[in-house]
Structure formats: structure tokens, C-alpha cells
C-alpha atoms as a PDB file:
ATOM      1  CA  UNK A   1      18.092   3.167  -8.214  1.00  0.00           C
ATOM      2  CA  UNK A   2      15.240   4.921  -6.477  1.00  0.00           C
ATOM      3  CA  UNK A   3      12.999   7.317  -8.376  1.00  0.00           C
ATOM      4  CA  UNK A   4      10.423   9.622  -6.836  1.00  0.00           C
ATOM      5  CA  UNK A   5       7.096  10.374  -8.521  1.00  0.00           C
ATOM      6  CA  UNK A   6       4.761  13.088  -7.246  1.00  0.00           C
ATOM      7  CA  UNK A   7       0.983  13.166  -7.494  1.00  0.00           C
ATOM      8  CA  UNK A   8      -1.832  15.174  -5.944  1.00  0.00           C
ATOM      9  CA  UNK A   9      -5.093  13.653  -4.773  1.00  0.00           C
ATOM     10  CA  UNK A  10      -7.583  16.526  -4.364  1.00  0.00           C
ATOM     11  CA  UNK A  11     -10.390  14.247  -3.067  1.00  0.00           C
ATOM     12  CA  UNK A  12     -10.792  10.835  -1.474  1.00  0.00           C
ATOM     13  CA  UNK A  13     -12.143   9.622  -4.826  1.00  0.00           C
ATOM     14  CA  UNK A  14      -8.906  10.735  -6.486  1.00  0.00           C
ATOM     15  CA  UNK A  15      -6.921   8.889  -3.796  1.00  0.00           C
ATOM     16  CA  UNK A  16      -8.944   5.777  -4.557  1.00  0.00           C
ATOM     17  CA  UNK A  17      -8.330   6.214  -8.298  1.00  0.00           C
ATOM     18  CA  UNK A  18      -4.579   6.468  -7.659  1.00  0.00           C
ATOM     19  CA  UNK A  19      -4.892   3.229  -5.707  1.00  0.00           C
ATOM     20  CA  UNK A  20      -6.765   1.637  -8.637  1.00  0.00           C
ATOM     21  CA  UNK A  21      -3.861   2.507 -10.947  1.00  0.00           C
ATOM     22  CA  UNK A  22      -1.304   1.136  -8.486  1.00  0.00           C
ATOM     23  CA  UNK A  23      -3.308  -2.061  -8.078  1.00  0.00           C
ATOM     24  CA  UNK A  24      -3.525  -2.563 -11.842  1.00  0.00           C
ATOM     25  CA  UNK A  25       0.275  -2.239 -12.040  1.00  0.00           C
ATOM     26  CA  UNK A  26       0.925  -4.618  -9.131  1.00  0.00           C
ATOM     27  CA  UNK A  27       1.826  -8.271  -9.227  1.00  0.00           C
ATOM     28  CA  UNK A  28       2.724 -10.987  -6.753  1.00  0.00           C
ATOM     29  CA  UNK A  29       5.856 -10.085  -4.819  1.00  0.00           C
ATOM     30  CA  UNK A  30       5.165  -6.356  -4.709  1.00  0.00           C
ATOM     31  CA  UNK A  31       5.274  -4.564  -1.358  1.00  0.00           C
ATOM     32  CA  UNK A  32       3.596  -1.179  -1.008  1.00  0.00           C
ATOM     33  CA  UNK A  33       4.493   0.724   2.143  1.00  0.00           C
ATOM     34  CA  UNK A  34       1.923   3.395   3.032  1.00  0.00           C
ATOM     35  CA  UNK A  35       3.320   6.269   5.081  1.00  0.00           C
ATOM     36  CA  UNK A  36       1.308   9.130   6.549  1.00  0.00           C
ATOM     37  CA  UNK A  37      -0.358  10.532   9.626  1.00  0.00           C
ATOM     38  CA  UNK A  38      -3.720   9.376  10.945  1.00  0.00           C
ATOM     39  CA  UNK A  39      -6.420  10.392   8.483  1.00  0.00           C
ATOM     40  CA  UNK A  40      -4.000  10.897   5.601  1.00  0.00           C
ATOM     41  CA  UNK A  41      -5.796   8.440   3.314  1.00  0.00           C
ATOM     42  CA  UNK A  42      -3.772   5.234   3.660  1.00  0.00           C
ATOM     43  CA  UNK A  43      -6.798   2.947   3.952  1.00  0.00           C
ATOM     44  CA  UNK A  44      -8.582   4.751   1.098  1.00  0.00           C
ATOM     45  CA  UNK A  45      -5.495   4.147  -1.051  1.00  0.00           C
ATOM     46  CA  UNK A  46      -5.401   0.483   0.037  1.00  0.00           C
ATOM     47  CA  UNK A  47      -9.067   0.087  -0.959  1.00  0.00           C
ATOM     48  CA  UNK A  48      -8.249   1.471  -4.406  1.00  0.00           C
ATOM     49  CA  UNK A  49      -5.276  -0.886  -4.725  1.00  0.00           C
ATOM     50  CA  UNK A  50      -7.591  -3.793  -3.933  1.00  0.00           C
ATOM     51  CA  UNK A  51     -10.061  -2.691  -6.633  1.00  0.00           C
ATOM     52  CA  UNK A  52      -7.233  -2.351  -9.146  1.00  0.00           C
ATOM     53  CA  UNK A  53      -6.102  -5.884  -8.321  1.00  0.00           C
ATOM     54  CA  UNK A  54      -9.645  -7.172  -8.893  1.00  0.00           C
ATOM     55  CA  UNK A  55     -10.376  -7.948  -5.229  1.00  0.00           C
ATOM     56  CA  UNK A  56     -14.137  -7.912  -4.834  1.00  0.00           C
ATOM     57  CA  UNK A  57     -14.561  -8.173  -1.058  1.00  0.00           C
ATOM     58  CA  UNK A  58     -14.682  -5.122   1.182  1.00  0.00           C
ATOM     59  CA  UNK A  59     -11.324  -3.852   2.434  1.00  0.00           C
ATOM     60  CA  UNK A  60     -11.241  -2.177   5.833  1.00  0.00           C
ATOM     61  CA  UNK A  61      -8.368  -1.145   8.045  1.00  0.00           C
ATOM     62  CA  UNK A  62      -6.823  -4.189   9.756  1.00  0.00           C
ATOM     63  CA  UNK A  63      -5.938  -2.080  12.809  1.00  0.00           C
ATOM     64  CA  UNK A  64      -7.039  -4.596  15.433  1.00  0.00           C
ATOM     65  CA  UNK A  65      -6.310  -7.839  13.564  1.00  0.00           C
ATOM     66  CA  UNK A  66      -2.928  -6.495  12.321  1.00  0.00           C
ATOM     67  CA  UNK A  67      -3.122  -8.368   8.981  1.00  0.00           C
ATOM     68  CA  UNK A  68      -5.915  -9.513   6.724  1.00  0.00           C
ATOM     69  CA  UNK A  69      -5.685 -11.524   3.511  1.00  0.00           C
ATOM     70  CA  UNK A  70      -8.154 -10.733   0.738  1.00  0.00           C
ATOM     71  CA  UNK A  71      -8.335 -13.573  -1.782  1.00  0.00           C
ATOM     72  CA  UNK A  72      -8.516 -12.788  -5.469  1.00  0.00           C
ATOM     73  CA  UNK A  73     -11.692 -14.334  -6.962  1.00  0.00           C
ATOM     74  CA  UNK A  74      -9.777 -15.505 -10.036  1.00  0.00           C
ATOM     75  CA  UNK A  75      -6.165 -16.113 -10.857  1.00  0.00           C
ATOM     76  CA  UNK A  76      -4.759 -12.725  -9.847  1.00  0.00           C
ATOM     77  CA  UNK A  77      -2.624 -12.060  -6.796  1.00  0.00           C
ATOM     78  CA  UNK A  78      -4.199 -11.927  -3.352  1.00  0.00           C
ATOM     79  CA  UNK A  79      -3.911  -8.787  -1.238  1.00  0.00           C
ATOM     80  CA  UNK A  80      -2.316  -8.984   2.194  1.00  0.00           C
ATOM     81  CA  UNK A  81      -3.244  -5.773   4.022  1.00  0.00           C
ATOM     82  CA  UNK A  82      -1.217  -5.071   7.163  1.00  0.00           C
ATOM     83  CA  UNK A  83      -1.512  -2.323   9.747  1.00  0.00           C
ATOM     84  CA  UNK A  84       1.827  -2.197  11.591  1.00  0.00           C
ATOM     85  CA  UNK A  85       0.807   0.707  13.855  1.00  0.00           C
ATOM     86  CA  UNK A  86       0.514  -1.460  16.970  1.00  0.00           C
ATOM     87  CA  UNK A  87       3.636  -3.506  16.296  1.00  0.00           C
ATOM     88  CA  UNK A  88       6.584  -2.704  18.507  1.00  0.00           C
ATOM     89  CA  UNK A  89       9.374  -4.058  16.322  1.00  0.00           C
ATOM     90  CA  UNK A  90      10.387  -5.767  13.106  1.00  0.00           C
ATOM     91  CA  UNK A  91      10.463  -9.040  15.079  1.00  0.00           C
ATOM     92  CA  UNK A  92       6.724  -8.774  15.712  1.00  0.00           C
ATOM     93  CA  UNK A  93       6.217  -8.190  11.998  1.00  0.00           C
ATOM     94  CA  UNK A  94       8.335 -11.265  11.229  1.00  0.00           C
ATOM     95  CA  UNK A  95       5.859 -13.313  13.290  1.00  0.00           C
ATOM     96  CA  UNK A  96       3.252 -12.553  10.611  1.00  0.00           C
ATOM     97  CA  UNK A  97       5.367 -14.608   8.142  1.00  0.00           C
ATOM     98  CA  UNK A  98       4.604 -12.302   5.212  1.00  0.00           C
ATOM     99  CA  UNK A  99       7.397 -13.911   3.170  1.00  0.00           C
ATOM    100  CA  UNK A 100       5.478 -17.194   2.842  1.00  0.00           C
ATOM    101  CA  UNK A 101       2.683 -15.593   0.767  1.00  0.00           C
ATOM    102  CA  UNK A 102       4.737 -12.914  -0.937  1.00  0.00           C
ATOM    103  CA  UNK A 103       5.182 -14.581  -4.345  1.00  0.00           C
ATOM    104  CA  UNK A 104       1.424 -14.934  -4.848  1.00  0.00           C
ATOM    105  CA  UNK A 105       0.340 -11.743  -3.090  1.00  0.00           C
ATOM    106  CA  UNK A 106       0.627  -7.987  -3.138  1.00  0.00           C
ATOM    107  CA  UNK A 107       1.469  -6.846   0.385  1.00  0.00           C
ATOM    108  CA  UNK A 108       0.228  -3.401   1.459  1.00  0.00           C
ATOM    109  CA  UNK A 109       1.575  -2.241   4.819  1.00  0.00           C
ATOM    110  CA  UNK A 110       0.210   0.819   6.573  1.00  0.00           C
ATOM    111  CA  UNK A 111       2.686   2.280   9.102  1.00  0.00           C
ATOM    112  CA  UNK A 112       5.388  -0.051   7.714  1.00  0.00           C
ATOM    113  CA  UNK A 113       8.207   2.429   7.205  1.00  0.00           C
ATOM    114  CA  UNK A 114      11.412   1.031   8.673  1.00  0.00           C
ATOM    115  CA  UNK A 115       9.893  -2.435   9.146  1.00  0.00           C
ATOM    116  CA  UNK A 116       9.273  -4.081   5.767  1.00  0.00           C
ATOM    117  CA  UNK A 117      11.850  -2.733   3.335  1.00  0.00           C
ATOM    118  CA  UNK A 118      13.715  -6.061   3.417  1.00  0.00           C
ATOM    119  CA  UNK A 119      10.730  -8.005   2.042  1.00  0.00           C
ATOM    120  CA  UNK A 120      11.075  -7.095  -1.636  1.00  0.00           C
ATOM    121  CA  UNK A 121      13.036  -5.047  -4.125  1.00  0.00           C
ATOM    122  CA  UNK A 122       9.705  -4.612  -5.956  1.00  0.00           C
ATOM    123  CA  UNK A 123       8.648  -2.039  -3.397  1.00  0.00           C
ATOM    124  CA  UNK A 124       6.900   1.291  -3.395  1.00  0.00           C
ATOM    125  CA  UNK A 125       7.216   3.717  -0.513  1.00  0.00           C
ATOM    126  CA  UNK A 126       4.094   5.878  -0.694  1.00  0.00           C
ATOM    127  CA  UNK A 127       4.074   8.997   1.473  1.00  0.00           C
ATOM    128  CA  UNK A 128       0.742  10.822   1.859  1.00  0.00           C
ATOM    129  CA  UNK A 129       0.708  14.275   3.419  1.00  0.00           C
ATOM    130  CA  UNK A 130      -2.420  15.428   5.204  1.00  0.00           C
ATOM    131  CA  UNK A 131      -3.250  19.128   5.270  1.00  0.00           C
ATOM    132  CA  UNK A 132      -3.430  20.942   8.587  1.00  0.00           C
ATOM    133  CA  UNK A 133      -6.676  22.534   7.400  1.00  0.00           C
ATOM    134  CA  UNK A 134      -9.584  20.286   8.408  1.00  0.00           C
ATOM    135  CA  UNK A 135     -11.669  21.049   5.293  1.00  0.00           C
ATOM    136  CA  UNK A 136      -8.829  20.526   2.789  1.00  0.00           C
ATOM    137  CA  UNK A 137      -8.966  17.028   1.275  1.00  0.00           C
ATOM    138  CA  UNK A 138      -5.993  17.665  -1.041  1.00  0.00           C
ATOM    139  CA  UNK A 139      -3.187  15.204  -0.377  1.00  0.00           C
ATOM    140  CA  UNK A 140       0.260  15.427  -1.950  1.00  0.00           C
ATOM    141  CA  UNK A 141       1.444  11.865  -2.619  1.00  0.00           C
ATOM    142  CA  UNK A 142       5.102  10.993  -3.129  1.00  0.00           C
ATOM    143  CA  UNK A 143       5.865   7.522  -4.472  1.00  0.00           C
ATOM    144  CA  UNK A 144       9.432   6.211  -4.318  1.00  0.00           C
ATOM    145  CA  UNK A 145       9.992   3.306  -6.702  1.00  0.00           C
ATOM    146  CA  UNK A 146      12.847   0.845  -6.248  1.00  0.00           C
ATOM    147  CA  UNK A 147      12.562  -1.427  -9.308  1.00  0.00           C
ATOM    148  CA  UNK A 148      12.498  -1.001 -13.072  1.00  0.00           C
ATOM    149  CA  UNK A 149       8.925  -2.271 -13.641  1.00  0.00           C
ATOM    150  CA  UNK A 150       7.610   0.361 -11.225  1.00  0.00           C
ATOM    151  CA  UNK A 151       9.828   3.074 -12.720  1.00  0.00           C
ATOM    152  CA  UNK A 152       8.261   2.368 -16.114  1.00  0.00           C
ATOM    153  CA  UNK A 153       4.689   2.010 -14.812  1.00  0.00           C
ATOM    154  CA  UNK A 154       4.703   5.393 -13.070  1.00  0.00           C
ATOM    155  CA  UNK A 155       6.663   7.275 -15.722  1.00  0.00           C
END
């Protein structure tokens, strides 16, 4: 059963804090699909997720490398950060072999809608809406959960 949770991030700091909370609730095998237009805040959210996981290295958009693995400095799950924007199909995504690291990693996929849903039932679909007003940082965030642990964590 899918449940939808709604949040508002009035600033980029608030978007990062939401990411922190999602990272703290994540574990190996989780897939977080980030959906939104350019400039919506997907990478800012991914950076917060990394902090919440305890990843200490800098997280930047993997736009040109497609996927980047950030190793956890301790025993926590690694972060695999993917930017699927330049991928033409699910077959190209399959070439990344995300399944091989999935049990020990949290996989965050920007632009992954329609490409990665098959990877895990422990998935969040996170839709970020960017305002049409250039000076408005407020972002409505809609998180669809697909598994009981996430239902409980976001309740």
C-alpha cells in the first residue's frame, strides 16, 4: 500500500534538514527516487540524506559521471547517488548494476521516475515542486512511501 506524506521546505536549509531526517531513517536496500524540475532542490535533498546517513565526504550532483558511490566511514550503509537525466532508457540504467550494491547501500536517484521502481519495495518517490517565482525558495515536497518501515518513519 502506498501512502503519501506532504511537507514544505521554505528554504534550502529546510530541504537539507528534510534530507537529514530521511537519511537517518534509511538503511541498506532503500531506494529514494527524487523527482522535480531543474533547480527544484534534488541535489540539496541528496546532500541532506548523505549527512543523515553519516557520510562525511562532499556530495555533488553526479550529472556527468551518472553515478557516484560515497562510502560510509563506519559500519553504516554507503550512498549510491545517481543522476539518470542523461540516460535514454532503463537498459542504460541496468548497465550501472545498482542491484549488486543495493543490500549494503542507500540508492538515491535523481530523474529516476519510471526507471528504478523495480529495484526495491523499500522505496520512496519524492516529488519536489519548484515555484515559478524566482525569489520563492518554498518547495512543496510529496513523499510516497511503499513499505511499512517508511510508513511508520514518516507518520
